[in-house]
PDB file of N, CA and C in Angstrom:
ATOM      1  N   MET A   1       8.403  36.516  64.685  1.00  0.00           N
ATOM      2  CA  MET A   1       8.544  36.355  66.126  1.00  0.00           C
ATOM      3  C   MET A   1       8.315  34.893  66.499  1.00  0.00           C
ATOM      4  N   ALA A   2       9.139  34.364  67.359  1.00  0.00           N
ATOM      5  CA  ALA A   2       9.025  32.984  67.798  1.00  0.00           C
ATOM      6  C   ALA A   2       7.811  32.813  68.697  1.00  0.00           C
ATOM      7  N   ASN A   3       7.167  31.678  68.552  1.00  0.00           N
ATOM      8  CA  ASN A   3       6.028  31.365  69.404  1.00  0.00           C
ATOM      9  C   ASN A   3       6.487  30.461  70.528  1.00  0.00           C
ATOM     10  N   PRO A   4       6.522  30.974  71.754  1.00  0.00           N
ATOM     11  CA  PRO A   4       6.919  30.111  72.859  1.00  0.00           C
ATOM     12  C   PRO A   4       5.877  29.024  73.053  1.00  0.00           C
ATOM     13  N   SER A   5       6.339  27.831  73.313  1.00  0.00           N
ATOM     14  CA  SER A   5       5.418  26.723  73.534  1.00  0.00           C
ATOM     15  C   SER A   5       6.003  25.784  74.573  1.00  0.00           C
ATOM     16  N   PRO A   6       6.010  26.189  75.820  1.00  0.00           N
ATOM     17  CA  PRO A   6       6.594  25.320  76.838  1.00  0.00           C
ATOM     18  C   PRO A   6       5.813  24.018  76.972  1.00  0.00           C
ATOM     19  N   GLN A   7       6.534  22.946  77.190  1.00  0.00           N
ATOM     20  CA  GLN A   7       5.941  21.643  77.447  1.00  0.00           C
ATOM     21  C   GLN A   7       6.165  21.319  78.914  1.00  0.00           C
ATOM     22  N   ALA A   8       5.099  20.972  79.619  1.00  0.00           N
ATOM     23  CA  ALA A   8       5.216  20.598  81.025  1.00  0.00           C
ATOM     24  C   ALA A   8       4.790  19.144  81.185  1.00  0.00           C
ATOM     25  N   ARG A   9       5.622  18.380  81.859  1.00  0.00           N
ATOM     26  CA  ARG A   9       5.313  16.993  82.163  1.00  0.00           C
ATOM     27  C   ARG A   9       6.114  16.635  83.397  1.00  0.00           C
ATOM     28  N   ASP A  10       5.524  15.921  84.302  1.00  0.00           N
ATOM     29  CA  ASP A  10       6.213  15.532  85.533  1.00  0.00           C
ATOM     30  C   ASP A  10       6.729  16.745  86.299  1.00  0.00           C
ATOM     31  N   ASN A  11       5.987  17.842  86.239  1.00  0.00           N
ATOM     32  CA  ASN A  11       6.346  19.094  86.906  1.00  0.00           C
ATOM     33  C   ASN A  11       7.656  19.696  86.408  1.00  0.00           C
ATOM     34  N   ILE A  12       8.107  19.288  85.238  1.00  0.00           N
ATOM     35  CA  ILE A  12       9.303  19.861  84.624  1.00  0.00           C
ATOM     36  C   ILE A  12       8.856  20.588  83.365  1.00  0.00           C
ATOM     37  N   VAL A  13       9.177  21.860  83.284  1.00  0.00           N
ATOM     38  CA  VAL A  13       8.804  22.654  82.117  1.00  0.00           C
ATOM     39  C   VAL A  13      10.006  22.762  81.190  1.00  0.00           C
ATOM     40  N   ILE A  14       9.782  22.434  79.920  1.00  0.00           N
ATOM     41  CA  ILE A  14      10.806  22.595  78.895  1.00  0.00           C
ATOM     42  C   ILE A  14      10.402  23.803  78.063  1.00  0.00           C
ATOM     43  N   HIS A  15      11.207  24.838  78.099  1.00  0.00           N
ATOM     44  CA  HIS A  15      10.928  26.056  77.345  1.00  0.00           C
ATOM     45  C   HIS A  15      11.484  25.927  75.939  1.00  0.00           C
ATOM     46  N   GLY A  16      10.827  26.573  74.997  1.00  0.00           N
ATOM     47  CA  GLY A  16      11.327  26.563  73.637  1.00  0.00           C
ATOM     48  C   GLY A  16      10.286  27.002  72.635  1.00  0.00           C
ATOM     49  N   VAL A  17      10.671  26.957  71.381  1.00  0.00           N
ATOM     50  CA  VAL A  17       9.805  27.339  70.272  1.00  0.00           C
ATOM     51  C   VAL A  17       9.229  26.064  69.657  1.00  0.00           C
ATOM     52  N   ASP A  18       7.913  25.953  69.675  1.00  0.00           N
ATOM     53  CA  ASP A  18       7.221  24.773  69.138  1.00  0.00           C
ATOM     54  C   ASP A  18       7.749  23.477  69.746  1.00  0.00           C
ATOM     55  N   VAL A  19       7.872  23.431  71.063  1.00  0.00           N
ATOM     56  CA  VAL A  19       8.398  22.257  71.757  1.00  0.00           C
ATOM     57  C   VAL A  19       7.391  21.106  71.680  1.00  0.00           C
ATOM     58  N   GLN A  20       7.915  19.938  71.333  1.00  0.00           N
ATOM     59  CA  GLN A  20       7.120  18.717  71.242  1.00  0.00           C
ATOM     60  C   GLN A  20       7.261  17.915  72.543  1.00  0.00           C
ATOM     61  N   PRO A  21       6.426  16.908  72.753  1.00  0.00           N
ATOM     62  CA  PRO A  21       6.472  16.144  74.009  1.00  0.00           C
ATOM     63  C   PRO A  21       7.820  15.516  74.353  1.00  0.00           C
ATOM     64  N   HIS A  22       8.639  15.156  73.338  1.00  0.00           N
ATOM     65  CA  HIS A  22       9.948  14.561  73.627  1.00  0.00           C
ATOM     66  C   HIS A  22      11.073  15.580  73.537  1.00  0.00           C
ATOM     67  N   THR A  23      10.756  16.845  73.611  1.00  0.00           N
ATOM     68  CA  THR A  23      11.653  18.011  73.674  1.00  0.00           C
ATOM     69  C   THR A  23      12.207  18.473  72.331  1.00  0.00           C
ATOM     70  N   GLN A  24      11.759  17.909  71.213  1.00  0.00           N
ATOM     71  CA  GLN A  24      12.156  18.481  69.934  1.00  0.00           C
ATOM     72  C   GLN A  24      11.571  19.887  69.849  1.00  0.00           C
ATOM     73  N   CYS A  25      12.182  20.729  69.015  1.00  0.00           N
ATOM     74  CA  CYS A  25      11.718  22.112  68.895  1.00  0.00           C
ATOM     75  C   CYS A  25      11.751  22.550  67.435  1.00  0.00           C
ATOM     76  N   ALA A  26      11.446  23.805  67.192  1.00  0.00           N
ATOM     77  CA  ALA A  26      11.448  24.337  65.827  1.00  0.00           C
ATOM     78  C   ALA A  26      12.834  24.279  65.193  1.00  0.00           C
ATOM     79  N   HIS A  27      13.880  24.317  66.014  1.00  0.00           N
ATOM     80  CA  HIS A  27      15.251  24.339  65.500  1.00  0.00           C
ATOM     81  C   HIS A  27      15.818  22.940  65.277  1.00  0.00           C
ATOM     82  N   TRP A  28      15.511  22.030  66.177  1.00  0.00           N
ATOM     83  CA  TRP A  28      16.042  20.664  66.146  1.00  0.00           C
ATOM     84  C   TRP A  28      14.872  19.718  66.380  1.00  0.00           C
ATOM     85  N   HIS A  29      14.547  18.899  65.381  1.00  0.00           N
ATOM     86  CA  HIS A  29      13.316  18.115  65.501  1.00  0.00           C
ATOM     87  C   HIS A  29      13.395  16.714  64.897  1.00  0.00           C
ATOM     88  N   SER A  30      14.580  16.125  64.863  1.00  0.00           N
ATOM     89  CA  SER A  30      14.675  14.735  64.412  1.00  0.00           C
ATOM     90  C   SER A  30      14.250  13.811  65.553  1.00  0.00           C
ATOM     91  N   ASP A  31      14.116  12.532  65.247  1.00  0.00           N
ATOM     92  CA  ASP A  31      13.753  11.552  66.275  1.00  0.00           C
ATOM     93  C   ASP A  31      14.812  11.452  67.367  1.00  0.00           C
ATOM     94  N   ARG A  32      16.033  11.914  67.081  1.00  0.00           N
ATOM     95  CA  ARG A  32      17.122  11.832  68.055  1.00  0.00           C
ATOM     96  C   ARG A  32      17.345  13.135  68.827  1.00  0.00           C
ATOM     97  N   ASP A  33      16.629  14.174  68.483  1.00  0.00           N
ATOM     98  CA  ASP A  33      16.767  15.456  69.190  1.00  0.00           C
ATOM     99  C   ASP A  33      15.839  15.463  70.400  1.00  0.00           C
ATOM    100  N   ILE A  34      16.212  14.667  71.398  1.00  0.00           N
ATOM    101  CA  ILE A  34      15.310  14.448  72.530  1.00  0.00           C
ATOM    102  C   ILE A  34      15.943  14.777  73.878  1.00  0.00           C
ATOM    103  N   ILE A  35      16.851  15.731  73.897  1.00  0.00           N
ATOM    104  CA  ILE A  35      17.356  16.175  75.193  1.00  0.00           C
ATOM    105  C   ILE A  35      17.013  17.645  75.385  1.00  0.00           C
ATOM    106  N   ALA A  36      16.919  18.023  76.626  1.00  0.00           N
ATOM    107  CA  ALA A  36      16.793  19.430  77.001  1.00  0.00           C
ATOM    108  C   ALA A  36      17.896  19.697  78.011  1.00  0.00           C
ATOM    109  N   ILE A  37      18.352  20.929  78.045  1.00  0.00           N
ATOM    110  CA  ILE A  37      19.452  21.286  78.943  1.00  0.00           C
ATOM    111  C   ILE A  37      19.025  22.418  79.865  1.00  0.00           C
ATOM    112  N   ARG A  38      19.281  22.200  81.162  1.00  0.00           N
ATOM    113  CA  ARG A  38      19.036  23.249  82.154  1.00  0.00           C
ATOM    114  C   ARG A  38      20.147  24.288  81.987  1.00  0.00           C
ATOM    115  N   HIS A  39      19.764  25.518  81.834  1.00  0.00           N
ATOM    116  CA  HIS A  39      20.757  26.571  81.616  1.00  0.00           C
ATOM    117  C   HIS A  39      21.254  27.121  82.952  1.00  0.00           C
ATOM    118  N   LYS A  40      22.551  27.253  83.046  1.00  0.00           N
ATOM    119  CA  LYS A  40      23.209  27.737  84.264  1.00  0.00           C
ATOM    120  C   LYS A  40      22.704  29.123  84.657  1.00  0.00           C
ATOM    121  N   CYS A  41      22.463  29.961  83.671  1.00  0.00           N
ATOM    122  CA  CYS A  41      22.103  31.360  83.927  1.00  0.00           C
ATOM    123  C   CYS A  41      20.758  31.519  84.628  1.00  0.00           C
ATOM    124  N   CYS A  42      19.806  30.641  84.356  1.00  0.00           N
ATOM    125  CA  CYS A  42      18.452  30.830  84.882  1.00  0.00           C
ATOM    126  C   CYS A  42      17.884  29.594  85.569  1.00  0.00           C
ATOM    127  N   GLY A  43      18.518  28.448  85.384  1.00  0.00           N
ATOM    128  CA  GLY A  43      18.019  27.223  85.984  1.00  0.00           C
ATOM    129  C   GLY A  43      16.861  26.589  85.238  1.00  0.00           C
ATOM    130  N   ASP A  44      16.485  27.153  84.094  1.00  0.00           N
ATOM    131  CA  ASP A  44      15.364  26.633  83.312  1.00  0.00           C
ATOM    132  C   ASP A  44      15.852  25.684  82.227  1.00  0.00           C
ATOM    133  N   PHE A  45      15.037  24.663  81.949  1.00  0.00           N
ATOM    134  CA  PHE A  45      15.317  23.760  80.841  1.00  0.00           C
ATOM    135  C   PHE A  45      14.844  24.393  79.541  1.00  0.00           C
ATOM    136  N   TYR A  46      15.685  24.332  78.521  1.00  0.00           N
ATOM    137  CA  TYR A  46      15.339  24.772  77.171  1.00  0.00           C
ATOM    138  C   TYR A  46      15.631  23.633  76.208  1.00  0.00           C
ATOM    139  N   ALA A  47      14.843  23.558  75.144  1.00  0.00           N
ATOM    140  CA  ALA A  47      15.038  22.515  74.138  1.00  0.00           C
ATOM    141  C   ALA A  47      16.370  22.676  73.420  1.00  0.00           C
ATOM    142  N   CYS A  48      16.822  23.911  73.230  1.00  0.00           N
ATOM    143  CA  CYS A  48      18.121  24.146  72.591  1.00  0.00           C
ATOM    144  C   CYS A  48      18.576  25.578  72.873  1.00  0.00           C
ATOM    145  N   ILE A  49      19.802  25.873  72.509  1.00  0.00           N
ATOM    146  CA  ILE A  49      20.362  27.206  72.733  1.00  0.00           C
ATOM    147  C   ILE A  49      19.619  28.256  71.919  1.00  0.00           C
ATOM    148  N   SER A  50      19.174  27.901  70.721  1.00  0.00           N
ATOM    149  CA  SER A  50      18.440  28.860  69.891  1.00  0.00           C
ATOM    150  C   SER A  50      17.102  29.221  70.524  1.00  0.00           C
ATOM    151  N   CYS A  51      16.467  28.263  71.176  1.00  0.00           N
ATOM    152  CA  CYS A  51      15.223  28.552  71.899  1.00  0.00           C
ATOM    153  C   CYS A  51      15.499  29.518  73.052  1.00  0.00           C
ATOM    154  N   HIS A  52      16.598  29.303  73.773  1.00  0.00           N
ATOM    155  CA  HIS A  52      16.963  30.207  74.863  1.00  0.00           C
ATOM    156  C   HIS A  52      17.205  31.608  74.318  1.00  0.00           C
ATOM    157  N   GLU A  53      17.949  31.702  73.224  1.00  0.00           N
ATOM    158  CA  GLU A  53      18.235  33.012  72.633  1.00  0.00           C
ATOM    159  C   GLU A  53      16.958  33.716  72.180  1.00  0.00           C
ATOM    160  N   ALA A  54      15.991  32.956  71.682  1.00  0.00           N
ATOM    161  CA  ALA A  54      14.750  33.544  71.182  1.00  0.00           C
ATOM    162  C   ALA A  54      13.808  33.985  72.298  1.00  0.00           C
ATOM    163  N   LEU A  55      13.847  33.296  73.439  1.00  0.00           N
ATOM    164  CA  LEU A  55      12.813  33.517  74.448  1.00  0.00           C
ATOM    165  C   LEU A  55      13.286  34.112  75.771  1.00  0.00           C
ATOM    166  N   ALA A  56      14.522  33.856  76.155  1.00  0.00           N
ATOM    167  CA  ALA A  56      15.001  34.352  77.451  1.00  0.00           C
ATOM    168  C   ALA A  56      15.357  35.833  77.342  1.00  0.00           C
ATOM    169  N   ASP A  57      15.275  36.514  78.466  1.00  0.00           N
ATOM    170  CA  ASP A  57      15.594  37.950  78.489  1.00  0.00           C
ATOM    171  C   ASP A  57      17.015  38.207  78.977  1.00  0.00           C
ATOM    172  N   HIS A  58      17.889  37.214  78.798  1.00  0.00           N
ATOM    173  CA  HIS A  58      19.270  37.311  79.273  1.00  0.00           C
ATOM    174  C   HIS A  58      20.142  36.377  78.438  1.00  0.00           C
ATOM    175  N   PRO A  59      21.449  36.605  78.428  1.00  0.00           N
ATOM    176  CA  PRO A  59      22.343  35.700  77.693  1.00  0.00           C
ATOM    177  C   PRO A  59      22.542  34.381  78.442  1.00  0.00           C
ATOM    178  N   SER A  60      22.856  33.356  77.697  1.00  0.00           N
ATOM    179  CA  SER A  60      23.129  32.051  78.284  1.00  0.00           C
ATOM    180  C   SER A  60      24.512  32.050  78.936  1.00  0.00           C
ATOM    181  N   THR A  61      24.672  31.215  79.942  1.00  0.00           N
ATOM    182  CA  THR A  61      25.943  31.045  80.642  1.00  0.00           C
ATOM    183  C   THR A  61      26.303  29.565  80.621  1.00  0.00           C
ATOM    184  N   CYS A  62      27.566  29.249  80.373  1.00  0.00           N
ATOM    185  CA  CYS A  62      28.015  27.856  80.347  1.00  0.00           C
ATOM    186  C   CYS A  62      28.182  27.297  81.756  1.00  0.00           C
ATOM    187  N   TRP A  63      27.927  25.996  81.877  1.00  0.00           N
ATOM    188  CA  TRP A  63      28.188  25.304  83.136  1.00  0.00           C
ATOM    189  C   TRP A  63      29.695  25.137  83.301  1.00  0.00           C
ATOM    190  N   PRO A  64      30.249  25.451  84.473  1.00  0.00           N
ATOM    191  CA  PRO A  64      31.695  25.298  84.675  1.00  0.00           C
ATOM    192  C   PRO A  64      32.098  23.825  84.790  1.00  0.00           C
ATOM    193  N   LYS A  65      33.342  23.552  84.462  1.00  0.00           N
ATOM    194  CA  LYS A  65      33.866  22.188  84.556  1.00  0.00           C
ATOM    195  C   LYS A  65      33.696  21.616  85.960  1.00  0.00           C
ATOM    196  N   THR A  66      33.779  22.482  86.967  1.00  0.00           N
ATOM    197  CA  THR A  66      33.702  22.024  88.355  1.00  0.00           C
ATOM    198  C   THR A  66      32.343  21.426  88.712  1.00  0.00           C
ATOM    199  N   GLU A  67      31.329  21.651  87.890  1.00  0.00           N
ATOM    200  CA  GLU A  67      29.991  21.122  88.186  1.00  0.00           C
ATOM    201  C   GLU A  67      29.585  19.978  87.262  1.00  0.00           C
ATOM    202  N   ARG A  68      30.504  19.476  86.465  1.00  0.00           N
ATOM    203  CA  ARG A  68      30.176  18.415  85.508  1.00  0.00           C
ATOM    204  C   ARG A  68      29.638  17.147  86.148  1.00  0.00           C
ATOM    205  N   ALA A  69      30.163  16.788  87.291  1.00  0.00           N
ATOM    206  CA  ALA A  69      29.775  15.518  87.905  1.00  0.00           C
ATOM    207  C   ALA A  69      28.785  15.674  89.048  1.00  0.00           C
ATOM    208  N   THR A  70      28.388  16.899  89.347  1.00  0.00           N
ATOM    209  CA  THR A  70      27.576  17.093  90.549  1.00  0.00           C
ATOM    210  C   THR A  70      26.147  17.558  90.311  1.00  0.00           C
ATOM    211  N   VAL A  71      25.895  18.227  89.200  1.00  0.00           N
ATOM    212  CA  VAL A  71      24.581  18.836  88.986  1.00  0.00           C
ATOM    213  C   VAL A  71      23.887  18.176  87.794  1.00  0.00           C
ATOM    214  N   PRO A  72      22.679  17.622  87.988  1.00  0.00           N
ATOM    215  CA  PRO A  72      21.952  17.071  86.844  1.00  0.00           C
ATOM    216  C   PRO A  72      21.385  18.199  85.985  1.00  0.00           C
ATOM    217  N   VAL A  73      21.861  18.291  84.746  1.00  0.00           N
ATOM    218  CA  VAL A  73      21.440  19.395  83.875  1.00  0.00           C
ATOM    219  C   VAL A  73      20.904  18.935  82.520  1.00  0.00           C
ATOM    220  N   VAL A  74      21.064  17.665  82.186  1.00  0.00           N
ATOM    221  CA  VAL A  74      20.587  17.151  80.903  1.00  0.00           C
ATOM    222  C   VAL A  74      19.387  16.250  81.162  1.00  0.00           C
ATOM    223  N   LEU A  75      18.316  16.481  80.413  1.00  0.00           N
ATOM    224  CA  LEU A  75      17.086  15.718  80.591  1.00  0.00           C
ATOM    225  C   LEU A  75      16.778  14.940  79.318  1.00  0.00           C
ATOM    226  N   CYS A  76      16.497  13.663  79.457  1.00  0.00           N
ATOM    227  CA  CYS A  76      16.074  12.844  78.327  1.00  0.00           C
ATOM    228  C   CYS A  76      14.589  13.110  78.086  1.00  0.00           C
ATOM    229  N   GLY A  77      14.257  13.511  76.882  1.00  0.00           N
ATOM    230  CA  GLY A  77      12.870  13.797  76.549  1.00  0.00           C
ATOM    231  C   GLY A  77      11.996  12.562  76.467  1.00  0.00           C
ATOM    232  N   ARG A  78      12.591  11.405  76.369  1.00  0.00           N
ATOM    233  CA  ARG A  78      11.824  10.166  76.283  1.00  0.00           C
ATOM    234  C   ARG A  78      11.428   9.674  77.672  1.00  0.00           C
ATOM    235  N   CYS A  79      12.398   9.478  78.568  1.00  0.00           N
ATOM    236  CA  CYS A  79      12.087   8.913  79.893  1.00  0.00           C
ATOM    237  C   CYS A  79      12.062   9.958  81.005  1.00  0.00           C
ATOM    238  N   ARG A  80      12.521  11.182  80.723  1.00  0.00           N
ATOM    239  CA  ARG A  80      12.522  12.321  81.649  1.00  0.00           C
ATOM    240  C   ARG A  80      13.557  12.213  82.762  1.00  0.00           C
ATOM    241  N   ARG A  81      14.469  11.273  82.672  1.00  0.00           N
ATOM    242  CA  ARG A  81      15.530  11.203  83.674  1.00  0.00           C
ATOM    243  C   ARG A  81      16.521  12.317  83.428  1.00  0.00           C
ATOM    244  N   GLN A  82      17.136  12.768  84.514  1.00  0.00           N
ATOM    245  CA  GLN A  82      18.125  13.837  84.430  1.00  0.00           C
ATOM    246  C   GLN A  82      19.512  13.272  84.709  1.00  0.00           C
ATOM    247  N   TRP A  83      20.488  13.840  84.002  1.00  0.00           N
ATOM    248  CA  TRP A  83      21.858  13.349  84.066  1.00  0.00           C
ATOM    249  C   TRP A  83      22.820  14.501  84.296  1.00  0.00           C
ATOM    250  N   THR A  84      23.945  14.182  84.897  1.00  0.00           N
ATOM    251  CA  THR A  84      24.994  15.194  85.024  1.00  0.00           C
ATOM    252  C   THR A  84      25.649  15.375  83.653  1.00  0.00           C
ATOM    253  N   ILE A  85      26.417  16.420  83.530  1.00  0.00           N
ATOM    254  CA  ILE A  85      27.140  16.662  82.280  1.00  0.00           C
ATOM    255  C   ILE A  85      28.111  15.514  82.010  1.00  0.00           C
ATOM    256  N   ALA A  86      28.806  15.060  83.039  1.00  0.00           N
ATOM    257  CA  ALA A  86      29.767  13.963  82.872  1.00  0.00           C
ATOM    258  C   ALA A  86      29.068  12.696  82.391  1.00  0.00           C
ATOM    259  N   GLU A  87      27.916  12.381  82.965  1.00  0.00           N
ATOM    260  CA  GLU A  87      27.172  11.194  82.528  1.00  0.00           C
ATOM    261  C   GLU A  87      26.727  11.338  81.072  1.00  0.00           C
ATOM    262  N   TYR A  88      26.251  12.523  80.725  1.00  0.00           N
ATOM    263  CA  TYR A  88      25.799  12.770  79.357  1.00  0.00           C
ATOM    264  C   TYR A  88      26.952  12.653  78.357  1.00  0.00           C
ATOM    265  N   MET A  89      28.087  13.241  78.682  1.00  0.00           N
ATOM    266  CA  MET A  89      29.229  13.197  77.766  1.00  0.00           C
ATOM    267  C   MET A  89      29.775  11.783  77.585  1.00  0.00           C
ATOM    268  N   ALA A  90      29.530  10.915  78.546  1.00  0.00           N
ATOM    269  CA  ALA A  90      30.043   9.544  78.483  1.00  0.00           C
ATOM    270  C   ALA A  90      29.003   8.528  78.002  1.00  0.00           C
ATOM    271  N   CYS A  91      27.828   8.971  77.600  1.00  0.00           N
ATOM    272  CA  CYS A  91      26.720   8.043  77.335  1.00  0.00           C
ATOM    273  C   CYS A  91      26.715   7.419  75.946  1.00  0.00           C
ATOM    274  N   ASN A  92      27.659   7.756  75.091  1.00  0.00           N
ATOM    275  CA  ASN A  92      27.718   7.188  73.736  1.00  0.00           C
ATOM    276  C   ASN A  92      26.436   7.416  72.940  1.00  0.00           C
ATOM    277  N   ASN A  93      25.873   8.614  73.078  1.00  0.00           N
ATOM    278  CA  ASN A  93      24.713   9.046  72.298  1.00  0.00           C
ATOM    279  C   ASN A  93      23.454   8.213  72.518  1.00  0.00           C
ATOM    280  N   ALA A  94      23.299   7.700  73.735  1.00  0.00           N
ATOM    281  CA  ALA A  94      22.069   6.993  74.095  1.00  0.00           C
ATOM    282  C   ALA A  94      21.786   7.249  75.566  1.00  0.00           C
ATOM    283  N   CYS A  95      20.521   7.361  75.899  1.00  0.00           N
ATOM    284  CA  CYS A  95      20.143   7.616  77.287  1.00  0.00           C
ATOM    285  C   CYS A  95      20.571   6.452  78.169  1.00  0.00           C
ATOM    286  N   PRO A  96      21.291   6.712  79.246  1.00  0.00           N
ATOM    287  CA  PRO A  96      21.679   5.646  80.161  1.00  0.00           C
ATOM    288  C   PRO A  96      20.480   4.995  80.859  1.00  0.00           C
ATOM    289  N   GLY A  97      19.334   5.661  80.857  1.00  0.00           N
ATOM    290  CA  GLY A  97      18.149   5.111  81.516  1.00  0.00           C
ATOM    291  C   GLY A  97      17.284   4.268  80.606  1.00  0.00           C
ATOM    292  N   CYS A  98      16.871   4.831  79.461  1.00  0.00           N
ATOM    293  CA  CYS A  98      15.927   4.133  78.572  1.00  0.00           C
ATOM    294  C   CYS A  98      16.551   3.688  77.256  1.00  0.00           C
ATOM    295  N   GLN A  99      17.810   4.001  77.040  1.00  0.00           N
ATOM    296  CA  GLN A  99      18.563   3.649  75.839  1.00  0.00           C
ATOM    297  C   GLN A  99      18.058   4.331  74.565  1.00  0.00           C
ATOM    298  N   ALA A 100      17.238   5.363  74.685  1.00  0.00           N
ATOM    299  CA  ALA A 100      16.815   6.125  73.508  1.00  0.00           C
ATOM    300  C   ALA A 100      18.044   6.763  72.869  1.00  0.00           C
ATOM    301  N   ALA A 101      18.083   6.765  71.549  1.00  0.00           N
ATOM    302  CA  ALA A 101      19.228   7.319  70.823  1.00  0.00           C
ATOM    303  C   ALA A 101      19.184   8.841  70.819  1.00  0.00           C
ATOM    304  N   PHE A 102      20.332   9.458  71.090  1.00  0.00           N
ATOM    305  CA  PHE A 102      20.486  10.906  71.036  1.00  0.00           C
ATOM    306  C   PHE A 102      21.184  11.288  69.732  1.00  0.00           C
ATOM    307  N   ASN A 103      21.008  12.517  69.310  1.00  0.00           N
ATOM    308  CA  ASN A 103      21.652  13.038  68.111  1.00  0.00           C
ATOM    309  C   ASN A 103      23.158  13.169  68.372  1.00  0.00           C
ATOM    310  N   PRO A 104      24.007  12.414  67.664  1.00  0.00           N
ATOM    311  CA  PRO A 104      25.449  12.509  67.902  1.00  0.00           C
ATOM    312  C   PRO A 104      26.015  13.878  67.543  1.00  0.00           C
ATOM    313  N   GLY A 105      25.326  14.626  66.698  1.00  0.00           N
ATOM    314  CA  GLY A 105      25.780  15.960  66.323  1.00  0.00           C
ATOM    315  C   GLY A 105      25.738  16.958  67.462  1.00  0.00           C
ATOM    316  N   CYS A 106      25.012  16.642  68.519  1.00  0.00           N
ATOM    317  CA  CYS A 106      24.936  17.558  69.665  1.00  0.00           C
ATOM    318  C   CYS A 106      26.309  17.804  70.287  1.00  0.00           C
ATOM    319  N   ALA A 107      27.216  16.854  70.139  1.00  0.00           N
ATOM    320  CA  ALA A 107      28.563  17.013  70.700  1.00  0.00           C
ATOM    321  C   ALA A 107      29.278  18.227  70.112  1.00  0.00           C
ATOM    322  N   ARG A 108      28.917  18.612  68.900  1.00  0.00           N
ATOM    323  CA  ARG A 108      29.539  19.792  68.284  1.00  0.00           C
ATOM    324  C   ARG A 108      29.139  21.083  68.987  1.00  0.00           C
ATOM    325  N   HIS A 109      28.111  21.024  69.810  1.00  0.00           N
ATOM    326  CA  HIS A 109      27.596  22.219  70.476  1.00  0.00           C
ATOM    327  C   HIS A 109      27.875  22.246  71.979  1.00  0.00           C
ATOM    328  N   TYR A 110      28.649  21.313  72.477  1.00  0.00           N
ATOM    329  CA  TYR A 110      28.940  21.284  73.914  1.00  0.00           C
ATOM    330  C   TYR A 110      29.417  22.636  74.424  1.00  0.00           C
ATOM    331  N   ASP A 111      30.256  23.309  73.628  1.00  0.00           N
ATOM    332  CA  ASP A 111      30.845  24.568  74.093  1.00  0.00           C
ATOM    333  C   ASP A 111      29.815  25.685  74.264  1.00  0.00           C
ATOM    334  N   LEU A 112      28.620  25.513  73.731  1.00  0.00           N
ATOM    335  CA  LEU A 112      27.561  26.508  73.930  1.00  0.00           C
ATOM    336  C   LEU A 112      26.898  26.362  75.295  1.00  0.00           C
ATOM    337  N   TYR A 113      27.041  25.184  75.895  1.00  0.00           N
ATOM    338  CA  TYR A 113      26.384  24.881  77.161  1.00  0.00           C
ATOM    339  C   TYR A 113      27.360  24.624  78.309  1.00  0.00           C
ATOM    340  N   PHE A 114      28.493  24.008  77.969  1.00  0.00           N
ATOM    341  CA  PHE A 114      29.434  23.527  78.979  1.00  0.00           C
ATOM    342  C   PHE A 114      30.819  24.136  78.762  1.00  0.00           C
ATOM    343  N   GLU A 115      31.446  24.564  79.856  1.00  0.00           N
ATOM    344  CA  GLU A 115      32.824  25.045  79.763  1.00  0.00           C
ATOM    345  C   GLU A 115      33.705  23.891  79.291  1.00  0.00           C
ATOM    346  N   MET A 116      34.483  24.154  78.272  1.00  0.00           N
ATOM    347  CA  MET A 116      35.352  23.110  77.713  1.00  0.00           C
ATOM    348  C   MET A 116      36.772  23.446  78.082  1.00  0.00           C
TER     349      MET A 116
END
């Protein structure tokens, strides 16, 4: 059974399994795995889709294309700034705020979070 370990900082709670201060979790924990995504279905930030599947009592829902530029849903675990999907997809794997490097492999999972 997964051990939930939400991390709270700046009044933002990141849900997940073994969540670290920069949003790494039991599933993804490299120095570049530092984003959390607000899930459309519940409005909660999770460290990754696997954390949502392990802990939420409902299935995940993708963000529609129509909300890519309007709703901040991606959070940088380093500086805690939030970005829209469009800003995140255009950031070249680095936080536009603090320039922390993001895992480039996350792009392979966009379809789990965002309508493509």
